[in-house]
N, C-alpha and C. Protein backbone atom coordinates (compact mmCIF):
# COMPACT_ATOMS: atom_id res chain seq x y z
N UNK A 1 0.78 -1.23 -0.05
CA UNK A 1 0.19 -0.11 0.02
C UNK A 1 0.93 1.16 -0.06
N UNK A 2 0.31 2.11 -0.50
CA UNK A 2 1.35 3.52 -0.65
C UNK A 2 1.41 4.09 0.85
N UNK A 3 2.60 4.84 0.88
CA UNK A 3 2.72 5.43 2.28
C UNK A 3 1.67 6.70 2.39
N UNK A 4 1.83 7.31 1.31
CA UNK A 4 0.97 8.48 1.51
C UNK A 4 -0.61 8.28 1.03
N UNK A 5 -1.61 7.52 1.64
CA UNK A 5 -2.63 7.27 1.39
C UNK A 5 -3.53 8.57 1.40
N UNK A 6 -4.76 8.71 0.61
CA UNK A 6 -5.48 9.89 0.65
C UNK A 6 -5.89 10.18 2.15
N UNK A 7 -6.16 11.31 2.36
CA UNK A 7 -6.84 11.92 3.71
C UNK A 7 -8.01 12.61 3.44
N UNK A 8 -9.22 12.35 4.10
CA UNK A 8 -10.27 12.83 3.94
C UNK A 8 -10.58 13.94 5.24
N UNK A 9 -11.14 15.08 4.75
CA UNK A 9 -11.32 15.85 5.95
C UNK A 9 -12.71 16.35 6.18
N UNK A 10 -13.12 16.71 7.46
CA UNK A 10 -14.41 17.20 7.64
C UNK A 10 -14.08 18.49 8.58
N UNK A 11 -14.82 19.59 8.33
CA UNK A 11 -14.63 20.74 8.85
C UNK A 11 -15.71 21.28 9.83
N UNK A 12 -15.61 21.61 11.02
CA UNK A 12 -16.49 22.09 11.91
C UNK A 12 -16.03 23.40 12.68
N UNK A 13 -17.02 24.13 13.10
CA UNK A 13 -16.78 25.32 14.11
C UNK A 13 -17.77 24.87 15.20
N UNK A 14 -17.36 25.73 16.45
CA UNK A 14 -17.93 25.56 17.67
C UNK A 14 -18.84 26.67 17.71
N UNK A 15 -20.04 26.73 17.97
CA UNK A 15 -20.84 27.62 18.18
C UNK A 15 -21.03 27.95 19.67
N UNK A 16 -22.09 29.03 19.77
CA UNK A 16 -21.89 29.53 21.41
C UNK A 16 -22.31 28.68 22.40
N UNK A 17 -23.06 27.71 22.10
CA UNK A 17 -23.57 26.75 22.83
C UNK A 17 -22.52 25.59 22.97
N UNK A 18 -21.23 25.84 22.63
CA UNK A 18 -20.33 24.71 22.69
C UNK A 18 -20.58 23.46 21.80
N UNK A 19 -21.57 23.48 20.85
CA UNK A 19 -21.84 22.44 19.83
C UNK A 19 -20.95 22.66 18.52
N UNK A 20 -20.54 21.37 18.06
CA UNK A 20 -19.89 21.45 16.78
C UNK A 20 -20.83 21.45 15.65
N UNK A 21 -20.63 22.35 14.80
CA UNK A 21 -21.59 22.53 13.47
C UNK A 21 -20.65 22.55 12.24
N UNK A 22 -21.22 21.43 11.26
CA UNK A 22 -20.43 20.97 10.28
C UNK A 22 -20.21 22.57 9.21
N UNK A 23 -19.31 22.50 8.67
CA UNK A 23 -19.16 23.52 7.58
C UNK A 23 -19.49 23.08 6.26
N UNK A 24 -20.38 23.64 5.44
CA UNK A 24 -20.32 22.79 4.04
C UNK A 24 -19.41 23.35 3.16
N UNK A 25 -18.97 22.35 2.34
CA UNK A 25 -17.96 22.44 1.20
C UNK A 25 -18.64 22.43 -0.09
N UNK A 26 -17.93 23.22 -0.76
CA UNK A 26 -18.67 23.38 -2.36
C UNK A 26 -17.42 23.08 -3.11
N UNK A 27 -17.62 22.03 -3.96
CA UNK A 27 -16.54 21.84 -4.92
C UNK A 27 -16.92 22.38 -6.12
N UNK A 28 -16.25 23.54 -6.69
CA UNK A 28 -16.67 24.18 -7.43
C UNK A 28 -16.66 23.41 -8.78
N UNK A 29 -15.72 22.72 -9.13
CA UNK A 29 -15.59 22.06 -10.43
C UNK A 29 -16.23 20.43 -10.38
N UNK A 30 -16.98 20.18 -9.55
CA UNK A 30 -17.95 18.95 -9.29
C UNK A 30 -18.68 18.56 -10.26
N UNK A 31 -18.63 17.46 -10.97
CA UNK A 31 -19.55 16.73 -11.87
C UNK A 31 -20.20 15.68 -11.28
N UNK A 32 -21.39 15.60 -11.60
CA UNK A 32 -22.34 14.46 -11.11
C UNK A 32 -22.04 13.34 -12.21
N UNK A 33 -22.70 12.20 -11.95
CA UNK A 33 -22.75 11.04 -12.78
C UNK A 33 -23.13 11.34 -14.23
N UNK A 34 -24.10 12.24 -14.54
CA UNK A 34 -24.51 12.49 -15.68
C UNK A 34 -23.57 13.57 -16.56
N UNK A 35 -22.62 14.06 -15.79
CA UNK A 35 -21.86 15.29 -16.28
C UNK A 35 -22.37 16.77 -16.09
N UNK A 36 -23.37 16.74 -15.39
CA UNK A 36 -23.61 18.31 -15.28
C UNK A 36 -22.88 18.63 -13.95
N UNK A 37 -22.77 19.95 -14.07
CA UNK A 37 -21.91 20.89 -13.12
C UNK A 37 -22.84 21.92 -12.44
N UNK A 38 -23.64 21.02 -11.12
CA UNK A 38 -24.40 21.84 -10.58
C UNK A 38 -23.73 22.95 -9.70
N UNK A 39 -22.54 23.05 -9.51
CA UNK A 39 -21.67 24.20 -8.63
C UNK A 39 -21.03 25.04 -9.50
N UNK A 40 -21.33 25.07 -10.70
CA UNK A 40 -20.76 26.29 -11.36
C UNK A 40 -20.89 27.54 -10.95
N UNK A 41 -22.14 27.94 -10.66
CA UNK A 41 -22.49 29.09 -9.88
C UNK A 41 -23.21 28.68 -8.69
N UNK A 42 -22.88 29.41 -7.68
CA UNK A 42 -23.31 29.34 -6.21
C UNK A 42 -24.71 29.69 -6.11
N UNK A 43 -25.68 28.52 -5.93
CA UNK A 43 -27.21 28.68 -5.95
C UNK A 43 -27.45 27.43 -5.14
N UNK A 44 -28.06 27.96 -3.69
CA UNK A 44 -28.16 27.11 -2.72
C UNK A 44 -29.33 26.09 -3.00
N UNK A 45 -30.13 26.33 -3.96
CA UNK A 45 -31.14 25.60 -4.25
C UNK A 45 -30.82 24.17 -5.30
N UNK A 46 -29.69 24.52 -6.00
CA UNK A 46 -29.32 23.68 -6.81
C UNK A 46 -27.98 23.09 -6.69
N UNK A 47 -26.87 23.87 -6.08
CA UNK A 47 -25.64 23.33 -5.85
C UNK A 47 -25.67 22.25 -4.88
N UNK A 48 -24.58 21.42 -5.35
CA UNK A 48 -24.36 20.06 -4.28
C UNK A 48 -23.29 20.47 -3.41
N UNK A 49 -23.54 20.50 -1.98
CA UNK A 49 -22.69 20.85 -0.94
C UNK A 49 -22.19 19.38 -0.55
N UNK A 50 -20.98 19.50 0.01
CA UNK A 50 -20.41 18.36 0.66
C UNK A 50 -20.01 18.24 2.15
N UNK A 51 -19.72 17.40 2.87
CA UNK A 51 -19.02 17.59 4.13
C UNK A 51 -17.39 17.22 4.21
N UNK A 52 -17.11 16.23 3.40
CA UNK A 52 -15.63 15.72 3.27
C UNK A 52 -14.95 16.58 2.10
N UNK A 53 -13.90 16.66 2.27
CA UNK A 53 -12.83 17.06 1.24
C UNK A 53 -11.40 16.37 1.43
N UNK A 54 -10.84 16.83 0.40
CA UNK A 54 -9.33 16.17 0.44
C UNK A 54 -8.17 17.17 -0.04
N UNK A 55 -7.10 17.07 0.23
CA UNK A 55 -6.07 18.18 -0.29
C UNK A 55 -5.35 17.48 -1.64
N UNK A 56 -5.19 16.40 -1.44
CA UNK A 56 -4.43 15.63 -2.68
C UNK A 56 -4.97 14.16 -2.82
N UNK A 57 -5.09 13.71 -3.96
CA UNK A 57 -5.43 12.49 -4.22
C UNK A 57 -4.70 11.83 -5.39
N UNK A 58 -4.22 10.56 -4.71
CA UNK A 58 -3.00 9.72 -5.68
C UNK A 58 -3.72 8.43 -5.82
N UNK A 59 -4.97 8.16 -5.17
CA UNK A 59 -5.36 6.79 -5.42
C UNK A 59 -6.57 6.69 -6.57
N UNK A 60 -7.52 7.56 -6.68
CA UNK A 60 -8.66 7.12 -7.89
C UNK A 60 -7.72 7.58 -9.35
N UNK A 61 -6.63 7.95 -9.35
CA UNK A 61 -5.89 8.12 -10.68
C UNK A 61 -5.42 6.76 -11.07
N UNK A 62 -5.46 5.59 -10.27
CA UNK A 62 -4.95 4.57 -10.60
C UNK A 62 -5.85 3.55 -11.47
N UNK A 63 -5.42 3.28 -12.51
CA UNK A 63 -6.25 2.74 -13.50
C UNK A 63 -6.21 1.06 -13.23
N UNK A 64 -5.20 0.59 -13.17
CA UNK A 64 -4.88 -0.87 -12.85
C UNK A 64 -5.69 -1.66 -12.08
N UNK A 65 -6.26 -2.67 -12.33
CA UNK A 65 -7.05 -3.44 -11.43
C UNK A 65 -6.03 -4.01 -10.30
N UNK A 66 -6.37 -3.71 -9.08
CA UNK A 66 -5.72 -4.03 -7.86
C UNK A 66 -4.21 -2.97 -7.96
N UNK A 67 -4.30 -2.14 -8.74
CA UNK A 67 -3.10 -1.22 -8.76
C UNK A 67 -2.79 -0.61 -7.24
N UNK A 68 -3.84 -0.22 -6.42
CA UNK A 68 -3.56 0.27 -5.14
C UNK A 68 -2.66 -0.60 -4.42
N UNK A 69 -2.94 -1.85 -4.28
CA UNK A 69 -2.43 -2.98 -3.73
C UNK A 69 -0.78 -3.31 -4.24
N UNK A 70 -0.82 -3.25 -5.61
CA UNK A 70 0.52 -3.24 -6.25
C UNK A 70 1.35 -2.05 -6.26
N UNK A 71 0.88 -0.96 -5.59
CA UNK A 71 1.59 0.12 -5.60
C UNK A 71 1.95 0.85 -6.98
N UNK A 72 0.74 0.83 -7.68
CA UNK A 72 1.01 1.41 -9.20
C UNK A 72 0.89 2.88 -9.33
N UNK A 73 1.60 3.39 -10.14
CA UNK A 73 1.61 4.90 -10.19
C UNK A 73 0.36 5.41 -10.80
N UNK A 74 -0.28 6.37 -10.32
CA UNK A 74 -1.34 6.86 -10.79
C UNK A 74 -1.37 7.59 -12.07
N UNK A 75 -2.22 7.57 -13.04
CA UNK A 75 -2.22 8.06 -14.19
C UNK A 75 -2.49 9.68 -14.07
N UNK A 76 -3.33 9.89 -12.77
CA UNK A 76 -3.74 11.30 -12.93
C UNK A 76 -3.64 11.63 -11.24
N UNK A 77 -3.07 12.68 -11.12
CA UNK A 77 -3.28 13.25 -9.63
C UNK A 77 -4.10 14.31 -9.37
N UNK A 78 -4.81 14.39 -8.54
CA UNK A 78 -5.52 15.81 -8.25
C UNK A 78 -5.06 16.48 -7.01
N UNK A 79 -5.24 17.62 -7.03
CA UNK A 79 -4.78 18.41 -5.76
C UNK A 79 -5.79 19.64 -5.84
N UNK A 80 -6.04 20.18 -4.31
CA UNK A 80 -7.05 21.42 -4.46
C UNK A 80 -5.97 22.57 -4.79
N UNK A 81 -6.41 23.18 -5.76
CA UNK A 81 -5.43 24.16 -6.27
C UNK A 81 -6.16 25.66 -5.93
N UNK A 82 -7.44 25.62 -5.49
CA UNK A 82 -7.97 27.02 -4.91
C UNK A 82 -8.78 26.61 -3.66
N UNK A 83 -8.93 27.29 -2.76
CA UNK A 83 -9.51 27.03 -1.36
C UNK A 83 -9.87 28.41 -0.88
N UNK A 84 -11.07 28.66 -0.78
CA UNK A 84 -11.69 29.95 -0.26
C UNK A 84 -12.69 29.83 0.79
N UNK A 85 -12.45 30.59 1.95
CA UNK A 85 -13.43 30.48 3.09
C UNK A 85 -14.07 31.56 3.15
N UNK A 86 -15.29 31.50 3.00
CA UNK A 86 -16.20 32.84 3.14
C UNK A 86 -17.03 32.74 4.53
N UNK A 87 -16.81 33.93 5.36
CA UNK A 87 -17.44 34.29 6.56
C UNK A 87 -18.00 35.58 6.54
N UNK A 88 -19.58 35.56 6.82
CA UNK A 88 -20.17 36.78 6.86
C UNK A 88 -20.86 37.08 8.20
N UNK A 89 -21.10 38.56 8.56
CA UNK A 89 -21.55 38.47 9.58
C UNK A 89 -23.09 38.28 9.64
N UNK A 90 -23.80 37.97 10.65
CA UNK A 90 -25.02 37.62 10.77
C UNK A 90 -26.01 39.09 10.97
N UNK A 91 -26.66 39.39 10.02
CA UNK A 91 -27.28 40.88 9.97
C UNK A 91 -28.31 40.84 11.26
N UNK A 92 -28.88 39.42 11.62
CA UNK A 92 -29.86 39.48 12.58
C UNK A 92 -29.38 39.28 14.14
N UNK A 93 -28.22 38.92 14.30
CA UNK A 93 -27.61 38.76 15.49
C UNK A 93 -26.14 39.68 15.69
N UNK A 94 -26.28 40.60 16.30
CA UNK A 94 -24.91 41.27 16.59
C UNK A 94 -23.87 40.61 17.06
N UNK A 95 -22.61 40.85 16.50
CA UNK A 95 -21.06 40.10 16.88
C UNK A 95 -21.32 38.53 16.94
N UNK A 96 -22.16 38.21 15.75
CA UNK A 96 -22.25 36.78 15.51
C UNK A 96 -21.92 36.50 13.85
N UNK A 97 -21.64 35.44 13.50
CA UNK A 97 -21.36 34.99 12.35
C UNK A 97 -22.41 33.98 11.60
N UNK A 98 -22.54 33.93 10.26
CA UNK A 98 -23.45 32.88 9.39
C UNK A 98 -22.40 31.66 9.62
N UNK A 99 -23.11 30.68 9.29
CA UNK A 99 -22.29 29.49 8.80
C UNK A 99 -21.30 29.64 7.87
N UNK A 100 -19.90 29.56 7.86
CA UNK A 100 -19.07 29.69 6.85
C UNK A 100 -19.37 28.68 5.73
N UNK A 101 -18.55 29.11 4.62
CA UNK A 101 -18.75 28.19 3.54
C UNK A 101 -17.23 27.95 2.91
N UNK A 102 -16.74 26.91 2.75
CA UNK A 102 -15.55 26.49 2.03
C UNK A 102 -15.86 26.19 0.61
N UNK A 103 -15.20 26.98 -0.27
CA UNK A 103 -15.31 26.49 -1.85
C UNK A 103 -13.62 26.05 -2.04
N UNK A 104 -13.67 24.83 -2.79
CA UNK A 104 -12.81 24.16 -3.51
C UNK A 104 -12.69 23.88 -4.93
N UNK A 105 -11.67 23.99 -5.54
CA UNK A 105 -11.47 23.78 -6.90
C UNK A 105 -10.26 22.85 -7.06
N UNK A 106 -10.46 21.77 -7.87
CA UNK A 106 -9.44 20.62 -7.67
C UNK A 106 -8.78 20.93 -9.30
N UNK A 107 -7.54 20.60 -9.50
CA UNK A 107 -6.59 20.37 -10.69
C UNK A 107 -6.31 19.15 -10.67
N UNK A 108 -6.14 18.43 -11.90
CA UNK A 108 -5.72 17.33 -12.51
C UNK A 108 -4.33 17.37 -13.09
N UNK A 109 -3.31 16.60 -12.75
CA UNK A 109 -2.19 16.31 -13.56
C UNK A 109 -1.64 14.96 -13.85
């Protein structure tokens, strides 16, 4: 098995009640199974938000059957080429913020 296996992350913030609140992740260049790109423009009604993300991916680009176990070299490596965190003040609650949004765009090599 490769020494640098993929790591997935989930991001949380702690609210005023000491509860963990998940931060939504928008993968800007996400494509669904039909090839549609629901995240090209941020629209909370149609965008596909995630909970997990990665920084680099060396496993899904391995095309060989059982290639991961055989330590095959991936044909494609993906990495986060843009990460943006948006935090807005809550207009209804003084000195509070809305839930942040993380936007990530991946590039393939």
